[in-house]
C-alpha cells in the first residue's frame, strides 16, 4: 500500500510540473521569446567550457510531455512492479533516466548534450538487464554497443569542433560555411542520431530492448530514448537540410520504415510488434525531417509519444494478466474478458493508423499531404504509401489476434480489468492521446496548412489503408504466416521474421570485435606500444645512460693518465 501512495503522490506532482512546462511552452509560442542561460565552468586555450540551458517552446513542451508520461508510468509501475523486491531501485533508475532526458532536451551545447546522451545510454542498459537472465544480458549488450557507436561519433564531433571555440549549435547556423569541417561534423552528428533512433543499420537493438520491463518500454521506447536522435537532428537541422545528407537520410528512413512495417506482420511477440511500430514511426519522423519540415517532425514526435505510451501500457496489462505470456497466438477473445483495456488498445491502434479525428490523424495525414505535394521520386512515393498500408495491416492483425480470435490460453485461466491503478493511468493516457493531437496542432501551428491535392492523390491514402486493413485481417484469419512456414518456402518467413538478418549481422560484427580485441591488445598495447612506448623508452634511456657512463669513465681515466704524465714530465725536468 505504501508503494501505491508513493506512486500516487509522485504522479500528482509530476503531472503538475509537466502541465506547468507545457503551459509555459504555449506562452513562449505566443510571445515569441527564448531564454538562453550559460554558465562558464572553466577556460582552456581560449576555449570556454560552459554549461548551457535553452528554454524555448520546443524544449518546454517536449519536457512537459516527457514528465507527464513519466508520472503516469511511475504510478502504473507501483502496481505492475508491486511484487518486485527491488522496486525502489527501479523507481530511482526511471527518475535518473528522466533527469538525463531533461538534460538532453535543455542543452544546445555538445558538451552538456553528451552528459544527457551518455546518461540515457547507461541507464537504458541498466533497465534492459533489469530481469537478470541470459536473454536480458544479450539484449543489453546489443543495446549498449549500438549506442556506444553514436557516443563515439558525438565525442569525435566535440573534438573536431574544439578549434572553433564553442560547441553551441547556434555557431553552425551563423558562422559555418560549406567546407570539410562542416561536412564532417554533420556526418558525425547524423550517425549519432541514427544509432540512438535505431535507423538502419542500427535497428537490431530496439526490438531486443523489449527484454526490459513493460513500464520501461512505455517510457524509454516511446517518448525518450528513441526520440533523442530525432530531437538532436531537429536542433542541428542547418547541418543537413538541402545538402547531400538530406538525400542520405531520406533513403535510410524509407528503408527503415518499410523494414519495420513489413517485419511487424511476421512477428508474434506482442511487445516486439509495438517495438516495430515505434521503429516505423521513427523512420517517418526522420523522413519528413530530411525534407526540412522540422516542426512537422516535432509535432509527430509529441503525438506519437502519447499514443505509443498508452499502447505499451495496455500491452503491459495484458502480459500481467496472462502470467507474462507475450505470444499473441495464445491470446484471444479479450473483448469479453477485458473490455476496457480492449477499447484502449483499439483506440491507440487507430491513433497509430491515423484514423480521422484521432491524434495520429493530425500529424500523419499532414505529413503525407506535404510529402505528396513535393515528392521527388516514384520509389519514395511507393515505399511511403506501401509502408502506411503495412502499418494498418499489422495493427488490424494485432487487434484480430487479441480481440476476435478464440481464447487459446489455459482453459481454467480467467482475466479481467482488476487493477484500478493500471487502468486509471492507462485510461488517462488514452484520453490525452485522443485529444492531444488537435490541441497541439492548434497551438504549434499558428496558421493552418492549406494543401490542394488532386482527388486521386487524396484517395490514394484511403486505398492503401483499406488494402492494408484487409491484408492484416486475412493474415489473422487464415494464418498466412503459418501457411508460409508449413507449406511454402520457410526461409522467406525466417528472413522477414528476423529483420532481414540484421540482428545476426550486429551480433556477428560485435563478436569479431570482441574476438580481435585481445589479439590487438596483446600485439598493440603489450607489443608495439610497449616497444616504442614505456618499456622501449626505458631500455633506450638505459642504453644511452650506459654509453654515457662508459664515456664519462673513459674520459676520467684519460684525464688521470694525462695528469700523471704531466706530473712525471715536471718531475724529470
Protein backbone atom coordinates (compact mmCIF):
# COMPACT_ATOMS: atom_id res chain seq x y z
CA UNK A 1 0.00 0.00 0.00
CA UNK A 2 2.94 2.31 0.67
CA UNK A 3 4.00 1.84 -2.95
CA UNK A 4 0.56 2.90 -4.17
CA UNK A 5 0.56 6.12 -2.12
CA UNK A 6 4.16 6.89 -3.06
CA UNK A 7 3.35 6.38 -6.74
CA UNK A 8 0.19 8.47 -6.47
CA UNK A 9 1.88 11.49 -4.86
CA UNK A 10 4.83 11.23 -7.24
CA UNK A 11 2.41 11.09 -10.16
CA UNK A 12 0.44 14.08 -8.85
CA UNK A 13 3.49 16.32 -8.51
CA UNK A 14 5.00 15.19 -11.82
CA UNK A 15 1.72 15.80 -13.65
CA UNK A 16 1.56 19.27 -12.12
CA UNK A 17 5.16 20.06 -13.14
CA UNK A 18 4.57 18.69 -16.65
CA UNK A 19 1.45 20.80 -17.15
CA UNK A 20 3.33 23.89 -15.93
CA UNK A 21 6.08 23.29 -18.50
CA UNK A 22 3.52 22.75 -21.29
CA UNK A 23 1.66 25.97 -20.37
CA UNK A 24 4.95 27.90 -20.33
CA UNK A 25 5.77 26.40 -23.73
CA UNK A 26 2.44 27.60 -25.12
CA UNK A 27 3.13 31.04 -23.63
CA UNK A 28 6.60 31.15 -25.24
CA UNK A 29 4.97 30.42 -28.62
CA UNK A 30 2.50 33.29 -28.23
CA UNK A 31 5.01 35.91 -27.09
CA UNK A 32 7.87 34.52 -29.25
CA UNK A 33 10.56 34.57 -26.55
CA UNK A 34 13.53 32.34 -25.72
CA UNK A 35 15.80 32.22 -22.68
CA UNK A 36 19.45 31.25 -23.11
CA UNK A 37 21.36 30.60 -19.85
CA UNK A 38 25.10 29.97 -19.96
CA UNK A 39 27.49 29.28 -17.08
CA UNK A 40 31.25 29.14 -17.69
CA UNK A 41 32.86 26.20 -15.91
CA UNK A 42 36.48 26.86 -16.93
CA UNK A 43 38.56 28.05 -19.89
CA UNK A 44 41.34 26.19 -21.68
CA UNK A 45 43.35 27.58 -24.62
CA UNK A 46 40.84 30.42 -25.12
CA UNK A 47 38.02 27.88 -25.37
CA UNK A 48 35.19 28.17 -22.87
CA UNK A 49 33.81 25.02 -21.28
CA UNK A 50 30.28 26.15 -20.45
CA UNK A 51 27.08 24.65 -19.10
CA UNK A 52 24.25 25.88 -21.31
CA UNK A 53 20.47 25.69 -20.94
CA UNK A 54 18.00 26.78 -23.61
CA UNK A 55 14.40 27.46 -22.63
CA UNK A 56 12.24 27.82 -25.74
CA UNK A 57 8.84 26.46 -26.70
CA UNK A 58 10.31 23.33 -28.30
CA UNK A 59 12.23 22.27 -25.19
CA UNK A 60 9.49 23.26 -22.74
CA UNK A 61 6.62 21.43 -24.48
CA UNK A 62 8.71 18.32 -25.06
CA UNK A 63 9.91 18.36 -21.46
CA UNK A 64 6.34 18.75 -20.20
CA UNK A 65 5.13 15.80 -22.31
CA UNK A 66 8.01 13.60 -21.09
CA UNK A 67 7.35 14.47 -17.45
CA UNK A 68 3.61 13.84 -17.88
CA UNK A 69 4.19 10.40 -19.43
CA UNK A 70 6.80 9.58 -16.78
CA UNK A 71 4.39 10.43 -13.98
CA UNK A 72 1.68 8.11 -15.28
CA UNK A 73 4.19 5.32 -15.88
CA UNK A 74 5.58 5.62 -12.35
CA UNK A 75 2.05 5.33 -10.96
CA UNK A 76 1.43 2.43 -13.35
CA UNK A 77 4.63 0.75 -12.13
CA UNK A 78 3.56 0.96 -8.49
CA UNK A 79 1.11 -1.85 -9.27
CA UNK A 80 2.87 -3.57 -12.17
CA UNK A 81 6.15 -3.94 -10.23
CA UNK A 82 4.47 -4.45 -6.86
CA UNK A 83 5.89 -7.92 -6.27
CA UNK A 84 9.39 -6.93 -7.32
CA UNK A 85 11.88 -6.94 -4.46
CA UNK A 86 13.91 -4.08 -5.97
CA UNK A 87 11.07 -1.65 -6.64
CA UNK A 88 12.95 1.31 -5.10
CA UNK A 89 15.92 0.68 -7.38
CA UNK A 90 13.59 0.55 -10.36
CA UNK A 91 11.99 3.91 -9.46
CA UNK A 92 15.42 5.51 -8.95
CA UNK A 93 16.58 4.27 -12.36
CA UNK A 94 13.45 5.68 -14.01
CA UNK A 95 13.93 9.04 -12.27
CA UNK A 96 17.60 9.14 -13.32
CA UNK A 97 16.53 8.37 -16.85
CA UNK A 98 14.03 11.24 -16.83
CA UNK A 99 16.72 13.58 -15.45
CA UNK A 100 19.14 12.58 -18.24
CA UNK A 101 16.43 13.24 -20.80
CA UNK A 102 15.76 16.67 -19.27
CA UNK A 103 19.45 17.49 -19.55
CA UNK A 104 19.46 16.44 -23.20
CA UNK A 105 16.34 18.44 -24.03
CA UNK A 106 17.55 21.68 -22.44
CA UNK A 107 21.09 21.52 -23.84
CA UNK A 108 22.09 23.31 -27.05
CA UNK A 109 25.74 22.63 -26.26
CA UNK A 110 27.53 19.49 -27.42
CA UNK A 111 29.32 19.08 -24.08
CA UNK A 112 26.14 19.18 -22.00
CA UNK A 113 24.28 17.14 -24.64
CA UNK A 114 26.89 14.42 -24.21
CA UNK A 115 26.15 14.23 -20.47
CA UNK A 116 22.47 13.54 -21.07
CA UNK A 117 23.26 11.35 -24.08
CA UNK A 118 25.59 9.06 -22.12
CA UNK A 119 23.21 9.07 -19.18
CA UNK A 120 20.43 7.77 -21.42
CA UNK A 121 22.65 5.02 -22.80
CA UNK A 122 23.97 3.86 -19.42
CA UNK A 123 20.62 3.86 -17.61
CA UNK A 124 18.84 2.21 -20.55
CA UNK A 125 21.40 -0.60 -20.33
CA UNK A 126 20.70 -0.97 -16.60
CA UNK A 127 16.95 -1.09 -17.30
CA UNK A 128 17.22 -3.59 -20.17
CA UNK A 129 19.16 -6.04 -17.97
CA UNK A 130 16.78 -5.46 -15.04
CA UNK A 131 15.48 -9.03 -15.30
CA UNK A 132 18.80 -10.75 -14.80
CA UNK A 133 18.83 -13.60 -17.30
CA UNK A 134 20.82 -14.56 -20.37
CA UNK A 135 18.34 -13.05 -22.84
CA UNK A 136 18.30 -9.74 -20.97
CA UNK A 137 22.09 -9.63 -20.81
CA UNK A 138 22.44 -10.29 -24.54
CA UNK A 139 19.81 -7.66 -25.35
CA UNK A 140 21.51 -5.17 -23.06
CA UNK A 141 24.87 -5.79 -24.70
CA UNK A 142 23.44 -5.17 -28.20
CA UNK A 143 21.76 -2.01 -26.91
CA UNK A 144 24.89 -0.72 -25.21
CA UNK A 145 27.24 -1.44 -28.10
CA UNK A 146 24.91 0.09 -30.69
CA UNK A 147 24.54 3.24 -28.64
CA UNK A 148 28.28 3.44 -27.99
CA UNK A 149 28.80 3.94 -31.71
CA UNK A 150 26.72 7.10 -31.50
CA UNK A 151 28.53 8.18 -28.34
CA UNK A 152 31.89 7.88 -30.06
CA UNK A 153 30.60 9.91 -33.03
CA UNK A 154 29.43 12.64 -30.68
CA UNK A 155 32.82 12.62 -28.93
CA UNK A 156 34.62 12.99 -32.26
CA UNK A 157 32.33 15.88 -33.25
CA UNK A 158 33.19 17.59 -29.94
CA UNK A 159 36.91 17.08 -30.58
CA UNK A 160 36.63 18.38 -34.15
CA UNK A 161 34.70 21.46 -33.00
CA UNK A 162 37.37 22.36 -30.44
CA UNK A 163 39.24 24.65 -32.82
CA UNK A 164 36.13 26.79 -33.40
CA UNK A 165 35.95 28.00 -29.81
CA UNK A 166 32.42 26.87 -28.96
CA UNK A 167 30.13 23.88 -29.02
CA UNK A 168 26.77 25.66 -29.25
CA UNK A 169 24.75 24.70 -32.28
CA UNK A 170 23.97 28.37 -32.96
CA UNK A 171 27.50 28.79 -34.28
CA UNK A 172 26.85 26.29 -37.05
CA UNK A 173 23.98 28.41 -38.29
CA UNK A 174 25.75 31.76 -38.41
CA UNK A 175 29.47 31.19 -38.84
CA UNK A 176 30.00 27.91 -40.63
CA UNK A 177 30.27 27.66 -44.37
CA UNK A 178 30.35 24.60 -46.57
CA UNK A 179 33.78 23.03 -46.11
CA UNK A 180 35.34 19.80 -44.96
CA UNK A 181 34.83 20.54 -41.26
CA UNK A 182 31.17 21.35 -41.77
CA UNK A 183 30.53 18.13 -43.69
CA UNK A 184 32.48 16.00 -41.22
CA UNK A 185 30.67 17.38 -38.16
CA UNK A 186 27.35 16.95 -39.97
CA UNK A 187 28.17 13.33 -40.79
CA UNK A 188 29.22 12.53 -37.21
CA UNK A 189 26.09 14.05 -35.66
CA UNK A 190 23.83 12.30 -38.20
CA UNK A 191 25.41 8.90 -37.43
CA UNK A 192 24.95 9.57 -33.70
CA UNK A 193 21.27 10.35 -34.30
CA UNK A 194 20.83 7.22 -36.44
CA UNK A 195 22.19 4.97 -33.68
CA UNK A 196 20.03 6.46 -30.94
CA UNK A 197 16.86 6.35 -33.09
CA UNK A 198 17.62 2.79 -34.30
CA UNK A 199 17.72 3.55 -38.01
CA UNK A 200 19.43 1.20 -40.43
CA UNK A 201 21.89 -0.44 -39.95
CA UNK A 202 21.48 0.00 -36.17
CA UNK A 203 17.88 -1.23 -35.98
CA UNK A 204 18.54 -4.51 -34.17
CA UNK A 205 18.76 -3.09 -30.67
CA UNK A 206 15.24 -1.65 -30.48
CA UNK A 207 13.28 -4.98 -30.63
CA UNK A 208 15.97 -6.58 -28.45
CA UNK A 209 15.45 -3.90 -25.79
CA UNK A 210 11.94 -5.28 -25.19
CA UNK A 211 13.59 -7.53 -22.61
CA UNK A 212 13.15 -4.62 -20.21
CA UNK A 213 10.02 -4.34 -18.00
CA UNK A 214 6.95 -3.07 -19.86
CA UNK A 215 6.77 0.28 -17.98
CA UNK A 216 10.33 0.91 -19.16
CA UNK A 217 9.26 0.17 -22.72
CA UNK A 218 6.38 2.62 -22.31
CA UNK A 219 8.74 5.40 -21.31
CA UNK A 220 12.09 4.61 -22.92
CA UNK A 221 10.95 3.31 -26.27
CA UNK A 222 8.08 5.70 -26.93
CA UNK A 223 8.97 9.22 -25.84
CA UNK A 224 12.53 9.49 -24.56
CA UNK A 225 15.47 7.34 -25.66
CA UNK A 226 14.48 6.56 -29.24
CA UNK A 227 13.33 10.13 -29.88
CA UNK A 228 16.62 11.61 -28.66
CA UNK A 229 18.17 11.17 -32.11
CA UNK A 230 15.19 12.86 -33.77
CA UNK A 231 15.39 15.73 -31.27
CA UNK A 232 19.13 16.10 -31.93
CA UNK A 233 18.51 16.44 -35.66
CA UNK A 234 15.71 18.95 -35.00
CA UNK A 235 18.20 21.11 -33.11
CA UNK A 236 21.01 20.67 -35.64
CA UNK A 237 18.84 20.92 -38.75
CA UNK A 238 21.02 23.54 -40.59
CA UNK A 239 23.77 20.93 -40.82
CA UNK A 240 21.99 18.67 -43.30
CA UNK A 241 18.97 20.46 -44.84
CA UNK A 242 19.31 20.99 -48.61
CA UNK A 243 22.51 19.00 -48.81
CA UNK A 244 23.70 15.54 -49.75
CA UNK A 245 22.95 14.34 -46.22
CA UNK A 246 19.24 15.04 -46.65
CA UNK A 247 19.09 12.54 -49.54
CA UNK A 248 21.05 10.07 -47.43
CA UNK A 249 18.53 10.47 -44.59
CA UNK A 250 15.60 10.07 -46.99
CA UNK A 251 16.92 6.74 -48.24
CA UNK A 252 17.79 5.41 -44.75
CA UNK A 253 14.46 6.44 -43.22
CA UNK A 254 12.41 4.97 -46.08
CA UNK A 255 14.14 1.60 -45.89
CA UNK A 256 13.82 1.58 -42.08
CA UNK A 257 10.12 2.39 -42.25
CA UNK A 258 9.48 -0.32 -44.83
CA UNK A 259 11.59 -2.88 -42.93
CA UNK A 260 9.83 -2.30 -39.61
CA UNK A 261 6.32 -2.27 -41.08
CA UNK A 262 6.92 -5.43 -43.09
CA UNK A 263 8.58 -7.38 -40.27
CA UNK A 264 5.80 -6.49 -37.82
CA UNK A 265 3.38 -8.58 -39.92
CA UNK A 266 5.56 -11.67 -39.31
CA UNK A 267 6.04 -11.17 -35.58
CA UNK A 268 4.11 -12.96 -32.82
CA UNK A 269 5.65 -11.27 -29.77
CA UNK A 270 3.24 -8.60 -28.50
CA UNK A 271 5.90 -6.15 -27.32
CA UNK A 272 8.07 -6.64 -30.40
CA UNK A 273 5.13 -5.80 -32.69
CA UNK A 274 4.73 -2.49 -30.86
CA UNK A 275 8.53 -2.01 -30.98
CA UNK A 276 8.45 -2.46 -34.77
CA UNK A 277 5.66 0.10 -34.99
CA UNK A 278 7.86 2.51 -32.98
CA UNK A 279 10.70 1.87 -35.41
CA UNK A 280 8.37 2.54 -38.34
CA UNK A 281 7.20 5.85 -36.87
CA UNK A 282 10.80 6.87 -36.18
CA UNK A 283 11.50 6.31 -39.86
CA UNK A 284 8.53 8.50 -40.71
CA UNK A 285 9.83 11.28 -38.44
CA UNK A 286 13.31 11.01 -39.93
CA UNK A 287 11.83 11.07 -43.42
CA UNK A 288 9.84 14.29 -43.01
CA UNK A 289 12.78 15.79 -41.10
CA UNK A 290 15.08 15.22 -44.08
CA UNK A 291 12.73 17.38 -46.18
CA UNK A 292 13.33 20.28 -43.80
CA UNK A 293 9.90 20.24 -42.10
CA UNK A 294 11.27 20.22 -38.56
CA UNK A 295 8.06 21.39 -36.90
CA UNK A 296 6.07 18.60 -38.54
CA UNK A 297 8.60 16.03 -37.29
CA UNK A 298 8.45 17.60 -33.82
CA UNK A 299 4.63 17.55 -33.88
CA UNK A 300 4.52 13.87 -34.83
CA UNK A 301 7.16 13.13 -32.18
CA UNK A 302 4.90 14.53 -29.45
CA UNK A 303 1.73 12.88 -30.74
CA UNK A 304 3.46 9.54 -31.22
CA UNK A 305 4.80 9.64 -27.65
CA UNK A 306 1.26 9.91 -26.29
CA UNK A 307 -0.48 7.08 -28.14
CA UNK A 308 2.54 4.76 -28.17
CA UNK A 309 2.92 5.03 -24.39
CA UNK A 310 -0.76 4.14 -24.00
CA UNK A 311 -0.33 1.18 -26.36
CA UNK A 312 2.63 -0.14 -24.35
CA UNK A 313 0.69 0.29 -21.09
CA UNK A 314 -2.24 -1.69 -22.50
CA UNK A 315 0.06 -4.48 -23.61
CA UNK A 316 1.65 -4.48 -20.15
CA UNK A 317 -1.74 -5.08 -18.53
CA UNK A 318 -2.40 -7.99 -20.89
CA UNK A 319 1.01 -9.53 -20.21
CA UNK A 320 0.48 -9.04 -16.47
CA UNK A 321 -2.90 -10.78 -16.53
CA UNK A 322 -1.64 -13.67 -18.67
CA UNK A 323 1.24 -14.54 -16.37
CA UNK A 324 3.97 -12.91 -18.52
CA UNK A 325 2.82 -14.52 -21.77
CA UNK A 326 3.67 -12.31 -24.76
CA UNK A 327 2.85 -14.66 -27.65
CA UNK A 328 -0.32 -13.37 -29.35
CA UNK A 329 -1.12 -16.89 -30.61
CA UNK A 330 -2.01 -17.86 -27.03
CA UNK A 331 -4.27 -14.85 -26.53
CA UNK A 332 -7.68 -14.05 -27.92
CA UNK A 333 -11.27 -13.07 -27.14
CA UNK A 334 -10.12 -10.32 -24.80
CA UNK A 335 -13.01 -8.04 -25.71
CA UNK A 336 -15.32 -10.13 -23.50
CA UNK A 337 -12.90 -10.65 -20.60
CA UNK A 338 -11.09 -7.26 -20.58
CA UNK A 339 -13.41 -4.80 -22.33
CA UNK A 340 -11.89 -1.55 -21.03
CA UNK A 341 -8.33 -2.48 -21.94
CA UNK A 342 -9.55 -3.78 -25.31
CA UNK A 343 -11.16 -0.40 -26.02
CA UNK A 344 -7.92 1.36 -25.04
CA UNK A 345 -5.89 -0.90 -27.37
CA UNK A 346 -8.28 -0.29 -30.26
CA UNK A 347 -8.20 3.49 -29.76
CA UNK A 348 -4.38 3.53 -29.51
CA UNK A 349 -4.06 1.34 -32.62
CA UNK A 350 -6.45 3.60 -34.53
CA UNK A 351 -4.33 6.60 -33.47
CA UNK A 352 -1.33 4.75 -34.90
CA UNK A 353 -3.16 4.05 -38.15
CA UNK A 354 -4.23 7.70 -38.48
CA UNK A 355 -7.98 7.22 -38.24
CA UNK A 356 -9.65 10.64 -38.78
CA UNK A 357 -10.04 12.95 -35.79
CA UNK A 358 -7.78 10.92 -33.51
CA UNK A 359 -4.36 12.29 -32.58
CA UNK A 360 -2.37 10.35 -35.17
CA UNK A 361 -4.56 11.71 -37.97
CA UNK A 362 -3.50 15.32 -37.39
CA UNK A 363 0.19 14.53 -37.84
CA UNK A 364 0.33 11.58 -40.26
CA UNK A 365 -2.23 12.90 -42.73
CA UNK A 366 -0.49 16.27 -42.82
CA UNK A 367 2.90 14.61 -43.33
CA UNK A 368 1.54 12.54 -46.23
CA UNK A 369 -0.06 15.60 -47.82
CA UNK A 370 3.17 17.59 -47.54
CA UNK A 371 5.11 14.68 -49.00
CA UNK A 372 2.62 14.22 -51.85
CA UNK A 373 2.88 17.89 -52.76
CA UNK A 374 6.66 17.71 -53.08
CA UNK A 375 7.73 14.11 -53.67
CA UNK A 376 10.79 13.70 -55.84
CA UNK A 377 10.82 10.03 -56.98
CA UNK A 378 8.37 7.25 -57.70
CA UNK A 379 10.42 4.91 -55.49
CA UNK A 380 9.96 7.09 -52.40
CA UNK A 381 6.27 7.60 -53.20
CA UNK A 382 5.60 3.88 -53.49
CA UNK A 383 7.62 2.90 -50.41
CA UNK A 384 5.94 5.58 -48.29
CA UNK A 385 2.37 4.58 -49.14
CA UNK A 386 3.18 0.87 -49.03
CA UNK A 387 4.60 1.34 -45.51
CA UNK A 388 1.43 3.20 -44.48
CA UNK A 389 -0.66 0.27 -45.71
CA UNK A 390 1.56 -2.17 -43.81
CA UNK A 391 1.06 -0.11 -40.64
CA UNK A 392 -2.69 -0.60 -40.90
CA UNK A 393 -2.08 -4.26 -41.73
CA UNK A 394 -0.17 -5.20 -38.58
CA UNK A 395 -2.49 -3.07 -36.42
CA UNK A 396 -5.60 -4.91 -37.69
CA UNK A 397 -3.77 -8.23 -37.39
CA UNK A 398 -2.90 -7.45 -33.76
CA UNK A 399 -6.49 -6.43 -32.97
CA UNK A 400 -7.77 -9.66 -34.55
CA UNK A 401 -5.40 -11.87 -32.56
CA UNK A 402 -6.22 -10.10 -29.29
CA UNK A 403 -9.94 -9.38 -29.62
CA UNK A 404 -11.59 -11.58 -32.24
CA UNK A 405 -9.69 -14.87 -32.28
CA UNK A 406 -10.77 -17.68 -29.95
CA UNK A 407 -9.25 -17.83 -26.49
CA UNK A 408 -6.14 -20.05 -26.70
CA UNK A 409 -4.62 -19.80 -23.24
CA UNK A 410 -5.09 -22.16 -20.28
CA UNK A 411 -8.64 -23.49 -20.07
CA UNK A 412 -9.01 -22.62 -16.40
CA UNK A 413 -7.49 -19.17 -16.62
CA UNK A 414 -9.66 -16.06 -16.28
CA UNK A 415 -8.57 -12.47 -16.78
CA UNK A 416 -10.41 -9.22 -16.18
CA UNK A 417 -9.81 -5.50 -15.61
CA UNK A 418 -8.81 -5.93 -11.99
CA UNK A 419 -6.05 -3.37 -11.41
CA UNK A 420 -7.58 0.05 -10.85
CA UNK A 421 -4.16 1.70 -10.62
CA UNK A 422 -3.00 0.50 -14.04
CA UNK A 423 -6.47 1.03 -15.51
CA UNK A 424 -6.60 4.64 -14.29
CA UNK A 425 -3.17 5.58 -15.65
CA UNK A 426 -3.80 3.80 -18.96
CA UNK A 427 -7.25 5.37 -19.42
CA UNK A 428 -5.87 8.85 -18.67
CA UNK A 429 -3.09 8.33 -21.20
CA UNK A 430 -5.61 7.17 -23.84
CA UNK A 431 -7.80 10.23 -23.25
CA UNK A 432 -4.80 12.54 -23.63
CA UNK A 433 -3.73 10.70 -26.80
CA UNK A 434 -7.22 11.22 -28.28
CA UNK A 435 -7.36 14.97 -27.75
CA UNK A 436 -3.64 15.76 -27.71
CA UNK A 437 -3.27 15.83 -31.49
CA UNK A 438 -5.85 18.51 -32.20
CA UNK A 439 -4.76 20.61 -29.18
CA UNK A 440 -1.09 20.56 -30.15
CA UNK A 441 -1.91 21.31 -33.79
CA UNK A 442 -3.92 24.40 -32.77
CA UNK A 443 -1.11 25.70 -30.58
CA UNK A 444 2.06 24.79 -32.52
CA UNK A 445 0.89 25.88 -35.99
CA UNK A 446 -0.23 29.50 -35.79
CA UNK A 447 -1.64 29.40 -39.32
CA UNK A 448 -3.34 26.30 -40.71
CA UNK A 449 -1.77 24.38 -43.58
CA UNK A 450 -3.72 24.56 -46.82
CA UNK A 451 -2.69 21.86 -49.28
CA UNK A 452 -4.59 21.46 -52.54
CA UNK A 453 -4.07 17.99 -54.00
CA UNK A 454 -5.82 16.08 -56.79
CA UNK A 455 -8.63 13.76 -55.77
CA UNK A 456 -6.71 10.66 -56.85
CA UNK A 457 -3.80 11.53 -54.53
CA UNK A 458 -6.14 12.06 -51.57
CA UNK A 459 -7.91 8.79 -52.28
CA UNK A 460 -4.55 7.02 -52.51
CA UNK A 461 -4.19 7.19 -48.72
CA UNK A 462 -7.62 5.64 -48.15
CA UNK A 463 -6.93 2.98 -50.75
CA UNK A 464 -3.66 1.81 -49.19
CA UNK A 465 -5.16 1.90 -45.70
CA UNK A 466 -8.14 -0.19 -46.84
CA UNK A 467 -5.94 -2.72 -48.64
CA UNK A 468 -3.60 -2.88 -45.64
CA UNK A 469 -6.52 -3.50 -43.29
CA UNK A 470 -7.83 -6.32 -45.47
CA UNK A 471 -4.37 -7.90 -45.68
CA UNK A 472 -3.99 -7.71 -41.90
CA UNK A 473 -7.41 -9.26 -41.36
CA UNK A 474 -6.68 -12.18 -43.68
CA UNK A 475 -3.24 -12.63 -42.13
CA UNK A 476 -5.03 -13.19 -38.83
CA UNK A 477 -7.99 -15.24 -40.05
CA UNK A 478 -6.22 -17.64 -42.37
CA UNK A 479 -2.82 -17.63 -40.66
CA UNK A 480 -0.89 -16.91 -43.84
CA UNK A 481 2.36 -16.76 -41.88
CA UNK A 482 1.80 -20.29 -40.59
CA UNK A 483 0.85 -21.38 -44.10
CA UNK A 484 4.11 -19.93 -45.41
CA UNK A 485 6.05 -21.83 -42.75
CA UNK A 486 4.40 -25.22 -43.28
CA UNK A 487 3.55 -25.37 -46.98
CA UNK A 488 5.78 -22.80 -48.64
CA UNK A 489 9.42 -21.91 -48.50
CA UNK A 490 10.05 -21.31 -44.79
CA UNK A 491 13.23 -19.33 -45.48
CA UNK A 492 11.09 -16.35 -46.51
CA UNK A 493 9.43 -16.30 -43.11
CA UNK A 494 12.81 -16.70 -41.38
CA UNK A 495 14.22 -13.83 -43.44
CA UNK A 496 11.38 -11.39 -42.77
CA UNK A 497 10.75 -12.58 -39.23
CA UNK A 498 14.36 -11.85 -38.25
CA UNK A 499 14.57 -8.30 -39.59
CA UNK A 500 16.41 -9.27 -42.78
CA UNK A 501 19.11 -10.92 -40.57
CA UNK A 502 20.17 -7.52 -39.21
CA UNK A 503 20.38 -8.84 -35.60
CA UNK A 504 22.70 -11.64 -36.75
CA UNK A 505 24.90 -9.15 -38.57
CA UNK A 506 25.02 -6.92 -35.49
CA UNK A 507 25.91 -9.82 -33.22
CA UNK A 508 28.48 -11.17 -35.69
CA UNK A 509 30.11 -7.78 -36.01
CA UNK A 510 30.26 -7.41 -32.25
CA UNK A 511 31.64 -10.94 -31.94
CA UNK A 512 34.57 -10.22 -34.26
CA UNK A 513 35.35 -7.03 -32.39
CA UNK A 514 35.37 -8.97 -29.13
CA UNK A 515 37.41 -11.75 -30.72
CA UNK A 516 40.07 -9.47 -32.14
CA UNK A 517 40.13 -7.28 -29.03
CA UNK A 518 42.54 -9.49 -27.02
CA UNK A 519 44.69 -10.05 -30.10
CA UNK A 520 45.00 -6.33 -30.74
CA UNK A 521 45.52 -5.77 -27.02
CA UNK A 522 48.43 -8.22 -26.89
CA UNK A 523 50.02 -7.07 -30.15
CA UNK A 524 49.50 -3.32 -29.83
CA UNK A 525 49.23 -2.49 -26.13
CA UNK A 526 51.55 -5.17 -24.80
CA UNK A 527 53.59 -5.28 -28.03
CA UNK A 528 54.45 -2.29 -30.17
CA UNK A 529 53.22 0.32 -27.70
CA UNK A 530 55.49 -1.18 -25.06
CA UNK A 531 58.36 -1.49 -27.52
CA UNK A 532 58.17 2.12 -28.71
CA UNK A 533 56.47 3.38 -25.54
CA UNK A 534 57.23 2.95 -21.87
CA UNK A 535 59.45 -0.16 -21.96
CA UNK A 536 61.15 0.88 -25.18
CA UNK A 537 61.95 4.35 -23.91
CA UNK A 538 63.18 2.85 -20.64
CA UNK A 539 65.53 0.46 -22.46
CA UNK A 540 66.69 3.25 -24.76
CA UNK A 541 67.43 5.53 -21.83
CA UNK A 542 69.26 2.67 -20.09
CA UNK A 543 71.34 2.08 -23.23
CA UNK A 544 72.23 5.74 -23.65
CA UNK A 545 72.95 6.04 -19.92
CA UNK A 546 75.33 3.07 -20.14
CA UNK A 547 77.12 4.66 -23.10
CA UNK A 548 77.28 7.97 -21.29
CA UNK A 549 78.67 6.24 -18.21
CA UNK A 550 81.33 4.47 -20.30
CA UNK A 551 82.28 7.72 -21.98
CA UNK A 552 82.48 9.54 -18.66
CA UNK A 553 84.58 6.77 -17.08
CA UNK A 554 86.84 6.72 -20.15
CA UNK A 555 87.26 10.50 -20.06
CA UNK A 556 88.08 10.35 -16.33
CA UNK A 557 90.70 7.64 -16.93
CA UNK A 558 92.21 9.58 -19.83
CA UNK A 559 92.31 12.72 -17.68
CA UNK A 560 94.05 10.79 -14.88
CA UNK A 561 96.68 9.42 -17.31
CA UNK A 562 97.30 12.86 -18.82
CA UNK A 563 97.68 14.42 -15.38
CA UNK A 564 100.06 11.65 -14.37
CA UNK A 565 102.18 12.16 -17.50
CA UNK A 566 102.26 15.88 -16.89
CA UNK A 567 103.46 15.45 -13.30
CA UNK A 568 106.04 12.92 -14.49
CA UNK A 569 107.40 15.32 -17.08
CA UNK A 570 107.58 18.11 -14.48
CA UNK A 571 109.40 15.82 -12.06
CA UNK A 572 112.02 14.82 -14.67
CA UNK A 573 112.70 18.31 -15.98
